[in-house]
Amino acid sequence: MGAEPLTVVAIFRAKPGREADLETALRAMPAPTRLETGCMNYDLHRVPSDPGRFFFHENWTTVDDHRAHLETPHVQRLLSLTPDLLAEPILELKGERLNV
């Protein structure tokens, strides 16, 4: 298990008034993450119609590489900040690409 490529979309919604703080915390993530084993892309987006909603679009070589990513110091730091920054729990969607 864990040998197939994995796509992840992780969705964040800021508490009212904490949008800039959440954005700052999320902007710190791509640089160290892109250096990790198995990271194919790790891109941060903001939803234009909802400026407090952000998401990462990620592709990992394997499920195990993504699992290791979740244990890194930068992810753990972000997770420690989320109770103060997020209006709702992180929504994480994981999928396998369908070649159609």
PDB file of N, CA and C in Angstrom:
ATOM      1  N   MET A   1       0.837  -1.194   0.000  1.00  0.00           N
ATOM      2  CA  MET A   1       0.000   0.000   0.000  1.00  0.00           C
ATOM      3  C   MET A   1       0.873   1.245   0.000  1.00  0.00           C
ATOM      4  N   GLY A   2       0.346   2.326  -0.590  1.00  0.00           N
ATOM      5  CA  GLY A   2       1.052   3.589  -0.551  1.00  0.00           C
ATOM      6  C   GLY A   2       1.922   3.848  -1.761  1.00  0.00           C
ATOM      7  N   ALA A   3       1.918   2.969  -2.768  1.00  0.00           N
ATOM      8  CA  ALA A   3       2.806   3.128  -3.911  1.00  0.00           C
ATOM      9  C   ALA A   3       2.186   3.913  -5.064  1.00  0.00           C
ATOM     10  N   GLU A   4       0.906   4.194  -5.012  1.00  0.00           N
ATOM     11  CA  GLU A   4       0.230   4.923  -6.089  1.00  0.00           C
ATOM     12  C   GLU A   4       0.334   6.435  -5.880  1.00  0.00           C
ATOM     13  N   PRO A   5       0.399   7.222  -6.975  1.00  0.00           N
ATOM     14  CA  PRO A   5       0.359   8.683  -6.823  1.00  0.00           C
ATOM     15  C   PRO A   5      -0.931   9.133  -6.127  1.00  0.00           C
ATOM     16  N   LEU A   6      -0.843  10.261  -5.449  1.00  0.00           N
ATOM     17  CA  LEU A   6      -1.970  10.781  -4.673  1.00  0.00           C
ATOM     18  C   LEU A   6      -2.136  12.263  -4.944  1.00  0.00           C
ATOM     19  N   THR A   7      -3.380  12.685  -5.160  1.00  0.00           N
ATOM     20  CA  THR A   7      -3.725  14.099  -5.247  1.00  0.00           C
ATOM     21  C   THR A   7      -4.487  14.464  -3.981  1.00  0.00           C
ATOM     22  N   VAL A   8      -4.138  15.619  -3.404  1.00  0.00           N
ATOM     23  CA  VAL A   8      -4.787  16.107  -2.198  1.00  0.00           C
ATOM     24  C   VAL A   8      -5.235  17.539  -2.438  1.00  0.00           C
ATOM     25  N   VAL A   9      -6.446  17.837  -1.994  1.00  0.00           N
ATOM     26  CA  VAL A   9      -6.928  19.214  -1.916  1.00  0.00           C
ATOM     27  C   VAL A   9      -7.266  19.447  -0.453  1.00  0.00           C
ATOM     28  N   ALA A  10      -6.554  20.374   0.174  1.00  0.00           N
ATOM     29  CA  ALA A  10      -6.778  20.704   1.585  1.00  0.00           C
ATOM     30  C   ALA A  10      -7.379  22.108   1.648  1.00  0.00           C
ATOM     31  N   ILE A  11      -8.579  22.213   2.226  1.00  0.00           N
ATOM     32  CA  ILE A  11      -9.355  23.456   2.206  1.00  0.00           C
ATOM     33  C   ILE A  11      -9.398  24.063   3.608  1.00  0.00           C
ATOM     34  N   PHE A  12      -9.138  25.360   3.677  1.00  0.00           N
ATOM     35  CA  PHE A  12      -9.075  26.099   4.936  1.00  0.00           C
ATOM     36  C   PHE A  12     -10.036  27.274   4.874  1.00  0.00           C
ATOM     37  N   ARG A  13     -10.746  27.551   5.979  1.00  0.00           N
ATOM     38  CA  ARG A  13     -11.610  28.735   6.072  1.00  0.00           C
ATOM     39  C   ARG A  13     -11.191  29.513   7.317  1.00  0.00           C
ATOM     40  N   ALA A  14     -10.810  30.763   7.111  1.00  0.00           N
ATOM     41  CA  ALA A  14     -10.345  31.618   8.206  1.00  0.00           C
ATOM     42  C   ALA A  14     -11.507  32.082   9.077  1.00  0.00           C
ATOM     43  N   LYS A  15     -11.218  32.249  10.360  1.00  0.00           N
ATOM     44  CA  LYS A  15     -12.161  32.927  11.232  1.00  0.00           C
ATOM     45  C   LYS A  15     -12.287  34.371  10.742  1.00  0.00           C
ATOM     46  N   PRO A  16     -13.455  34.981  10.887  1.00  0.00           N
ATOM     47  CA  PRO A  16     -13.597  36.392  10.506  1.00  0.00           C
ATOM     48  C   PRO A  16     -12.545  37.249  11.214  1.00  0.00           C
ATOM     49  N   GLY A  17     -11.879  38.065  10.442  1.00  0.00           N
ATOM     50  CA  GLY A  17     -10.835  38.927  10.973  1.00  0.00           C
ATOM     51  C   GLY A  17      -9.462  38.286  11.028  1.00  0.00           C
ATOM     52  N   ARG A  18      -9.367  36.994  10.728  1.00  0.00           N
ATOM     53  CA  ARG A  18      -8.072  36.283  10.780  1.00  0.00           C
ATOM     54  C   ARG A  18      -7.581  35.877   9.394  1.00  0.00           C
ATOM     55  N   GLU A  19      -8.203  36.420   8.357  1.00  0.00           N
ATOM     56  CA  GLU A  19      -7.858  36.043   6.987  1.00  0.00           C
ATOM     57  C   GLU A  19      -6.379  36.301   6.679  1.00  0.00           C
ATOM     58  N   ALA A  20      -5.879  37.463   7.025  1.00  0.00           N
ATOM     59  CA  ALA A  20      -4.479  37.786   6.733  1.00  0.00           C
ATOM     60  C   ALA A  20      -3.528  36.895   7.518  1.00  0.00           C
ATOM     61  N   ASP A  21      -3.874  36.584   8.758  1.00  0.00           N
ATOM     62  CA  ASP A  21      -3.026  35.708   9.577  1.00  0.00           C
ATOM     63  C   ASP A  21      -2.973  34.298   8.994  1.00  0.00           C
ATOM     64  N   LEU A  22      -4.119  33.800   8.562  1.00  0.00           N
ATOM     65  CA  LEU A  22      -4.137  32.474   7.954  1.00  0.00           C
ATOM     66  C   LEU A  22      -3.343  32.484   6.659  1.00  0.00           C
ATOM     67  N   GLU A  23      -3.526  33.497   5.852  1.00  0.00           N
ATOM     68  CA  GLU A  23      -2.779  33.567   4.601  1.00  0.00           C
ATOM     69  C   GLU A  23      -1.274  33.560   4.856  1.00  0.00           C
ATOM     70  N   THR A  24      -0.829  34.309   5.844  1.00  0.00           N
ATOM     71  CA  THR A  24       0.599  34.330   6.182  1.00  0.00           C
ATOM     72  C   THR A  24       1.081  32.937   6.569  1.00  0.00           C
ATOM     73  N   ALA A  25       0.316  32.258   7.405  1.00  0.00           N
ATOM     74  CA  ALA A  25       0.703  30.905   7.836  1.00  0.00           C
ATOM     75  C   ALA A  25       0.740  29.940   6.654  1.00  0.00           C
ATOM     76  N   LEU A  26      -0.222  30.040   5.759  1.00  0.00           N
ATOM     77  CA  LEU A  26      -0.269  29.138   4.612  1.00  0.00           C
ATOM     78  C   LEU A  26       0.835  29.445   3.601  1.00  0.00           C
ATOM     79  N   ARG A  27       1.161  30.717   3.436  1.00  0.00           N
ATOM     80  CA  ARG A  27       2.227  31.097   2.494  1.00  0.00           C
ATOM     81  C   ARG A  27       3.593  30.558   2.920  1.00  0.00           C
ATOM     82  N   ALA A  28       3.751  30.239   4.193  1.00  0.00           N
ATOM     83  CA  ALA A  28       5.020  29.689   4.685  1.00  0.00           C
ATOM     84  C   ALA A  28       5.192  28.215   4.315  1.00  0.00           C
ATOM     85  N   MET A  29       4.157  27.572   3.821  1.00  0.00           N
ATOM     86  CA  MET A  29       4.184  26.122   3.593  1.00  0.00           C
ATOM     87  C   MET A  29       4.822  25.664   2.274  1.00  0.00           C
ATOM     88  N   PRO A  30       4.599  26.317   1.144  1.00  0.00           N
ATOM     89  CA  PRO A  30       5.097  25.752  -0.114  1.00  0.00           C
ATOM     90  C   PRO A  30       6.614  25.575  -0.192  1.00  0.00           C
ATOM     91  N   ALA A  31       7.389  26.540   0.231  1.00  0.00           N
ATOM     92  CA  ALA A  31       8.846  26.428   0.053  1.00  0.00           C
ATOM     93  C   ALA A  31       9.418  25.167   0.707  1.00  0.00           C
ATOM     94  N   PRO A  32       9.177  24.914   2.002  1.00  0.00           N
ATOM     95  CA  PRO A  32       9.746  23.690   2.568  1.00  0.00           C
ATOM     96  C   PRO A  32       9.083  22.424   2.043  1.00  0.00           C
ATOM     97  N   THR A  33       7.803  22.491   1.735  1.00  0.00           N
ATOM     98  CA  THR A  33       7.101  21.302   1.261  1.00  0.00           C
ATOM     99  C   THR A  33       7.610  20.871  -0.104  1.00  0.00           C
ATOM    100  N   ARG A  34       7.885  21.811  -0.972  1.00  0.00           N
ATOM    101  CA  ARG A  34       8.346  21.463  -2.322  1.00  0.00           C
ATOM    102  C   ARG A  34       9.710  20.779  -2.320  1.00  0.00           C
ATOM    103  N   LEU A  35      10.430  20.858  -1.208  1.00  0.00           N
ATOM    104  CA  LEU A  35      11.723  20.183  -1.077  1.00  0.00           C
ATOM    105  C   LEU A  35      11.588  18.746  -0.564  1.00  0.00           C
ATOM    106  N   GLU A  36      10.394  18.363  -0.162  1.00  0.00           N
ATOM    107  CA  GLU A  36      10.180  17.042   0.416  1.00  0.00           C
ATOM    108  C   GLU A  36      10.190  15.948  -0.645  1.00  0.00           C
ATOM    109  N   THR A  37      10.617  14.771  -0.219  1.00  0.00           N
ATOM    110  CA  THR A  37      10.583  13.597  -1.089  1.00  0.00           C
ATOM    111  C   THR A  37       9.158  13.334  -1.558  1.00  0.00           C
ATOM    112  N   GLY A  38       8.998  13.172  -2.848  1.00  0.00           N
ATOM    113  CA  GLY A  38       7.707  12.793  -3.406  1.00  0.00           C
ATOM    114  C   GLY A  38       6.758  13.925  -3.711  1.00  0.00           C
ATOM    115  N   CYS A  39       7.113  15.165  -3.384  1.00  0.00           N
ATOM    116  CA  CYS A  39       6.234  16.294  -3.680  1.00  0.00           C
ATOM    117  C   CYS A  39       6.369  16.649  -5.154  1.00  0.00           C
ATOM    118  N   MET A  40       5.291  16.440  -5.890  1.00  0.00           N
ATOM    119  CA  MET A  40       5.276  16.763  -7.315  1.00  0.00           C
ATOM    120  C   MET A  40       4.836  18.204  -7.543  1.00  0.00           C
ATOM    121  N   ASN A  41       3.865  18.665  -6.778  1.00  0.00           N
ATOM    122  CA  ASN A  41       3.477  20.072  -6.752  1.00  0.00           C
ATOM    123  C   ASN A  41       2.717  20.333  -5.454  1.00  0.00           C
ATOM    124  N   TYR A  42       2.773  21.595  -5.019  1.00  0.00           N
ATOM    125  CA  TYR A  42       2.121  22.003  -3.779  1.00  0.00           C
ATOM    126  C   TYR A  42       1.791  23.474  -3.965  1.00  0.00           C
ATOM    127  N   ASP A  43       0.563  23.746  -4.394  1.00  0.00           N
ATOM    128  CA  ASP A  43       0.184  25.088  -4.811  1.00  0.00           C
ATOM    129  C   ASP A  43      -0.939  25.645  -3.942  1.00  0.00           C
ATOM    130  N   LEU A  44      -0.756  26.872  -3.486  1.00  0.00           N
ATOM    131  CA  LEU A  44      -1.729  27.559  -2.638  1.00  0.00           C
ATOM    132  C   LEU A  44      -2.645  28.422  -3.494  1.00  0.00           C
ATOM    133  N   HIS A  45      -3.937  28.372  -3.182  1.00  0.00           N
ATOM    134  CA  HIS A  45      -4.943  29.160  -3.902  1.00  0.00           C
ATOM    135  C   HIS A  45      -5.862  29.867  -2.900  1.00  0.00           C
ATOM    136  N   ARG A  46      -6.401  31.008  -3.322  1.00  0.00           N
ATOM    137  CA  ARG A  46      -7.459  31.696  -2.575  1.00  0.00           C
ATOM    138  C   ARG A  46      -8.705  31.678  -3.451  1.00  0.00           C
ATOM    139  N   VAL A  47      -9.865  31.528  -2.824  1.00  0.00           N
ATOM    140  CA  VAL A  47     -11.132  31.552  -3.561  1.00  0.00           C
ATOM    141  C   VAL A  47     -11.539  33.017  -3.712  1.00  0.00           C
ATOM    142  N   PRO A  48     -11.556  33.567  -4.928  1.00  0.00           N
ATOM    143  CA  PRO A  48     -11.838  34.994  -5.112  1.00  0.00           C
ATOM    144  C   PRO A  48     -13.179  35.443  -4.544  1.00  0.00           C
ATOM    145  N   SER A  49     -14.184  34.613  -4.644  1.00  0.00           N
ATOM    146  CA  SER A  49     -15.504  34.996  -4.152  1.00  0.00           C
ATOM    147  C   SER A  49     -15.642  34.831  -2.634  1.00  0.00           C
ATOM    148  N   ASP A  50     -14.610  34.280  -1.995  1.00  0.00           N
ATOM    149  CA  ASP A  50     -14.634  34.029  -0.551  1.00  0.00           C
ATOM    150  C   ASP A  50     -13.209  34.190  -0.024  1.00  0.00           C
ATOM    151  N   PRO A  51     -12.759  35.448   0.192  1.00  0.00           N
ATOM    152  CA  PRO A  51     -11.352  35.713   0.504  1.00  0.00           C
ATOM    153  C   PRO A  51     -10.823  35.050   1.773  1.00  0.00           C
ATOM    154  N   GLY A  52     -11.682  34.521   2.605  1.00  0.00           N
ATOM    155  CA  GLY A  52     -11.228  33.803   3.797  1.00  0.00           C
ATOM    156  C   GLY A  52     -11.041  32.316   3.568  1.00  0.00           C
ATOM    157  N   ARG A  53     -11.272  31.862   2.327  1.00  0.00           N
ATOM    158  CA  ARG A  53     -11.138  30.432   2.007  1.00  0.00           C
ATOM    159  C   ARG A  53      -9.919  30.232   1.111  1.00  0.00           C
ATOM    160  N   PHE A  54      -9.064  29.316   1.537  1.00  0.00           N
ATOM    161  CA  PHE A  54      -7.837  28.983   0.821  1.00  0.00           C
ATOM    162  C   PHE A  54      -7.809  27.476   0.606  1.00  0.00           C
ATOM    163  N   PHE A  55      -7.023  27.057  -0.391  1.00  0.00           N
ATOM    164  CA  PHE A  55      -6.811  25.618  -0.527  1.00  0.00           C
ATOM    165  C   PHE A  55      -5.461  25.336  -1.160  1.00  0.00           C
ATOM    166  N   PHE A  56      -4.925  24.186  -0.774  1.00  0.00           N
ATOM    167  CA  PHE A  56      -3.732  23.649  -1.410  1.00  0.00           C
ATOM    168  C   PHE A  56      -4.162  22.585  -2.398  1.00  0.00           C
ATOM    169  N   HIS A  57      -3.556  22.602  -3.568  1.00  0.00           N
ATOM    170  CA  HIS A  57      -3.670  21.511  -4.531  1.00  0.00           C
ATOM    171  C   HIS A  57      -2.301  20.853  -4.539  1.00  0.00           C
ATOM    172  N   GLU A  58      -2.262  19.577  -4.166  1.00  0.00           N
ATOM    173  CA  GLU A  58      -0.998  18.859  -3.978  1.00  0.00           C
ATOM    174  C   GLU A  58      -1.011  17.566  -4.784  1.00  0.00           C
ATOM    175  N   ASN A  59       0.142  17.208  -5.295  1.00  0.00           N
ATOM    176  CA  ASN A  59       0.322  15.893  -5.901  1.00  0.00           C
ATOM    177  C   ASN A  59       1.579  15.278  -5.315  1.00  0.00           C
ATOM    178  N   TRP A  60       1.426  14.035  -4.892  1.00  0.00           N
ATOM    179  CA  TRP A  60       2.496  13.289  -4.239  1.00  0.00           C
ATOM    180  C   TRP A  60       2.777  12.017  -5.016  1.00  0.00           C
ATOM    181  N   THR A  61       4.025  11.633  -5.063  1.00  0.00           N
ATOM    182  CA  THR A  61       4.413  10.423  -5.779  1.00  0.00           C
ATOM    183  C   THR A  61       3.763   9.193  -5.163  1.00  0.00           C
ATOM    184  N   THR A  62       3.675   9.167  -3.826  1.00  0.00           N
ATOM    185  CA  THR A  62       3.043   8.042  -3.142  1.00  0.00           C
ATOM    186  C   THR A  62       2.246   8.532  -1.934  1.00  0.00           C
ATOM    187  N   VAL A  63       1.341   7.709  -1.488  1.00  0.00           N
ATOM    188  CA  VAL A  63       0.588   7.974  -0.258  1.00  0.00           C
ATOM    189  C   VAL A  63       1.553   8.088   0.924  1.00  0.00           C
ATOM    190  N   ASP A  64       2.572   7.246   0.939  1.00  0.00           N
ATOM    191  CA  ASP A  64       3.541   7.281   2.033  1.00  0.00           C
ATOM    192  C   ASP A  64       4.297   8.606   2.076  1.00  0.00           C
ATOM    193  N   ASP A  65       4.608   9.183   0.914  1.00  0.00           N
ATOM    194  CA  ASP A  65       5.273  10.492   0.894  1.00  0.00           C
ATOM    195  C   ASP A  65       4.371  11.555   1.505  1.00  0.00           C
ATOM    196  N   HIS A  66       3.088  11.504   1.203  1.00  0.00           N
ATOM    197  CA  HIS A  66       2.158  12.459   1.809  1.00  0.00           C
ATOM    198  C   HIS A  66       2.059  12.229   3.310  1.00  0.00           C
ATOM    199  N   ARG A  67       2.011  10.995   3.722  1.00  0.00           N
ATOM    200  CA  ARG A  67       1.948  10.679   5.149  1.00  0.00           C
ATOM    201  C   ARG A  67       3.169  11.245   5.876  1.00  0.00           C
ATOM    202  N   ALA A  68       4.344  11.121   5.281  1.00  0.00           N
ATOM    203  CA  ALA A  68       5.566  11.683   5.879  1.00  0.00           C
ATOM    204  C   ALA A  68       5.491  13.208   5.947  1.00  0.00           C
ATOM    205  N   HIS A  69       4.908  13.819   4.926  1.00  0.00           N
ATOM    206  CA  HIS A  69       4.728  15.283   4.897  1.00  0.00           C
ATOM    207  C   HIS A  69       3.946  15.757   6.117  1.00  0.00           C
ATOM    208  N   LEU A  70       2.921  15.008   6.501  1.00  0.00           N
ATOM    209  CA  LEU A  70       2.077  15.417   7.625  1.00  0.00           C
ATOM    210  C   LEU A  70       2.819  15.423   8.953  1.00  0.00           C
ATOM    211  N   GLU A  71       3.956  14.759   9.012  1.00  0.00           N
ATOM    212  CA  GLU A  71       4.752  14.694  10.246  1.00  0.00           C
ATOM    213  C   GLU A  71       5.885  15.716  10.286  1.00  0.00           C
ATOM    214  N   THR A  72       6.053  16.505   9.239  1.00  0.00           N
ATOM    215  CA  THR A  72       7.165  17.461   9.196  1.00  0.00           C
ATOM    216  C   THR A  72       6.942  18.608  10.180  1.00  0.00           C
ATOM    217  N   PRO A  73       8.031  19.246  10.618  1.00  0.00           N
ATOM    218  CA  PRO A  73       7.891  20.372  11.554  1.00  0.00           C
ATOM    219  C   PRO A  73       7.027  21.508  11.018  1.00  0.00           C
ATOM    220  N   HIS A  74       7.103  21.825   9.726  1.00  0.00           N
ATOM    221  CA  HIS A  74       6.304  22.945   9.204  1.00  0.00           C
ATOM    222  C   HIS A  74       4.815  22.611   9.189  1.00  0.00           C
ATOM    223  N   VAL A  75       4.452  21.373   8.920  1.00  0.00           N
ATOM    224  CA  VAL A  75       3.033  21.005   8.985  1.00  0.00           C
ATOM    225  C   VAL A  75       2.564  21.001  10.436  1.00  0.00           C
ATOM    226  N   GLN A  76       3.365  20.465  11.318  1.00  0.00           N
ATOM    227  CA  GLN A  76       2.978  20.438  12.726  1.00  0.00           C
ATOM    228  C   GLN A  76       2.831  21.852  13.283  1.00  0.00           C
ATOM    229  N   ARG A  77       3.688  22.767  12.845  1.00  0.00           N
ATOM    230  CA  ARG A  77       3.561  24.163  13.278  1.00  0.00           C
ATOM    231  C   ARG A  77       2.244  24.755  12.782  1.00  0.00           C
ATOM    232  N   LEU A  78       1.932  24.534  11.503  1.00  0.00           N
ATOM    233  CA  LEU A  78       0.671  25.041  10.959  1.00  0.00           C
ATOM    234  C   LEU A  78      -0.509  24.477  11.741  1.00  0.00           C
ATOM    235  N   LEU A  79      -0.500  23.192  11.995  1.00  0.00           N
ATOM    236  CA  LEU A  79      -1.603  22.567  12.735  1.00  0.00           C
ATOM    237  C   LEU A  79      -1.740  23.147  14.140  1.00  0.00           C
ATOM    238  N   SER A  80      -0.628  23.551  14.741  1.00  0.00           N
ATOM    239  CA  SER A  80      -0.698  24.154  16.076  1.00  0.00           C
ATOM    240  C   SER A  80      -1.350  25.530  16.053  1.00  0.00           C
ATOM    241  N   LEU A  81      -1.311  26.201  14.911  1.00  0.00           N
ATOM    242  CA  LEU A  81      -1.909  27.538  14.766  1.00  0.00           C
ATOM    243  C   LEU A  81      -3.387  27.493  14.404  1.00  0.00           C
ATOM    244  N   THR A  82      -3.834  26.393  13.828  1.00  0.00           N
ATOM    245  CA  THR A  82      -5.181  26.367  13.258  1.00  0.00           C
ATOM    246  C   THR A  82      -6.312  26.583  14.252  1.00  0.00           C
ATOM    247  N   PRO A  83      -6.218  26.162  15.508  1.00  0.00           N
ATOM    248  CA  PRO A  83      -7.360  26.435  16.395  1.00  0.00           C
ATOM    249  C   PRO A  83      -7.682  27.929  16.511  1.00  0.00           C
ATOM    250  N   ASP A  84      -6.665  28.771  16.434  1.00  0.00           N
ATOM    251  CA  ASP A  84      -6.881  30.218  16.537  1.00  0.00           C
ATOM    252  C   ASP A  84      -7.255  30.867  15.209  1.00  0.00           C
ATOM    253  N   LEU A  85      -6.965  30.178  14.103  1.00  0.00           N
ATOM    254  CA  LEU A  85      -7.137  30.795  12.780  1.00  0.00           C
ATOM    255  C   LEU A  85      -8.337  30.292  11.989  1.00  0.00           C
ATOM    256  N   LEU A  86      -8.773  29.067  12.258  1.00  0.00           N
ATOM    257  CA  LEU A  86      -9.788  28.448  11.401  1.00  0.00           C
ATOM    258  C   LEU A  86     -11.190  28.526  11.974  1.00  0.00           C
ATOM    259  N   ALA A  87     -12.136  28.799  11.088  1.00  0.00           N
ATOM    260  CA  ALA A  87     -13.557  28.833  11.459  1.00  0.00           C
ATOM    261  C   ALA A  87     -14.169  27.441  11.458  1.00  0.00           C
ATOM    262  N   GLU A  88     -13.508  26.493  10.795  1.00  0.00           N
ATOM    263  CA  GLU A  88     -14.009  25.123  10.704  1.00  0.00           C
ATOM    264  C   GLU A  88     -12.809  24.202  10.492  1.00  0.00           C
ATOM    265  N   PRO A  89     -12.961  22.926  10.748  1.00  0.00           N
ATOM    266  CA  PRO A  89     -11.838  21.996  10.538  1.00  0.00           C
ATOM    267  C   PRO A  89     -11.373  21.990   9.082  1.00  0.00           C
ATOM    268  N   ILE A  90     -10.112  21.667   8.888  1.00  0.00           N
ATOM    269  CA  ILE A  90      -9.560  21.527   7.539  1.00  0.00           C
ATOM    270  C   ILE A  90     -10.314  20.402   6.832  1.00  0.00           C
ATOM    271  N   LEU A  91     -10.734  20.661   5.614  1.00  0.00           N
ATOM    272  CA  LEU A  91     -11.354  19.632   4.790  1.00  0.00           C
ATOM    273  C   LEU A  91     -10.281  19.125   3.842  1.00  0.00           C
ATOM    274  N   GLU A  92      -9.972  17.844   3.939  1.00  0.00           N
ATOM    275  CA  GLU A  92      -8.937  17.260   3.100  1.00  0.00           C
ATOM    276  C   GLU A  92      -9.563  16.205   2.193  1.00  0.00           C
ATOM    277  N   LEU A  93      -9.434  16.431   0.889  1.00  0.00           N
ATOM    278  CA  LEU A  93      -9.926  15.490  -0.104  1.00  0.00           C
ATOM    279  C   LEU A  93      -8.726  14.791  -0.725  1.00  0.00           C
ATOM    280  N   LYS A  94      -8.747  13.472  -0.758  1.00  0.00           N
ATOM    281  CA  LYS A  94      -7.659  12.693  -1.334  1.00  0.00           C
ATOM    282  C   LYS A  94      -8.226  11.881  -2.488  1.00  0.00           C
ATOM    283  N   GLY A  95      -7.488  11.844  -3.588  1.00  0.00           N
ATOM    284  CA  GLY A  95      -7.985  11.100  -4.714  1.00  0.00           C
ATOM    285  C   GLY A  95      -6.878  10.546  -5.584  1.00  0.00           C
ATOM    286  N   GLU A  96      -7.265   9.594  -6.395  1.00  0.00           N
ATOM    287  CA  GLU A  96      -6.394   9.018  -7.397  1.00  0.00           C
ATOM    288  C   GLU A  96      -6.855   9.513  -8.756  1.00  0.00           C
ATOM    289  N   ARG A  97      -5.913   9.891  -9.578  1.00  0.00           N
ATOM    290  CA  ARG A  97      -6.244  10.416 -10.902  1.00  0.00           C
ATOM    291  C   ARG A  97      -6.868   9.329 -11.762  1.00  0.00           C
ATOM    292  N   LEU A  98      -7.929   9.696 -12.445  1.00  0.00           N
ATOM    293  CA  LEU A  98      -8.563   8.819 -13.408  1.00  0.00           C
ATOM    294  C   LEU A  98      -8.064   9.216 -14.792  1.00  0.00           C
ATOM    295  N   ASN A  99      -7.429   8.327 -15.468  1.00  0.00           N
ATOM    296  CA  ASN A  99      -6.894   8.629 -16.793  1.00  0.00           C
ATOM    297  C   ASN A  99      -7.994   8.411 -17.823  1.00  0.00           C
ATOM    298  N   VAL A 100      -8.640   9.511 -18.189  1.00  0.00           N
ATOM    299  CA  VAL A 100      -9.722   9.439 -19.178  1.00  0.00           C
ATOM    300  C   VAL A 100      -9.407  10.365 -20.340  1.00  0.00           C
TER     301      VAL A 100
END
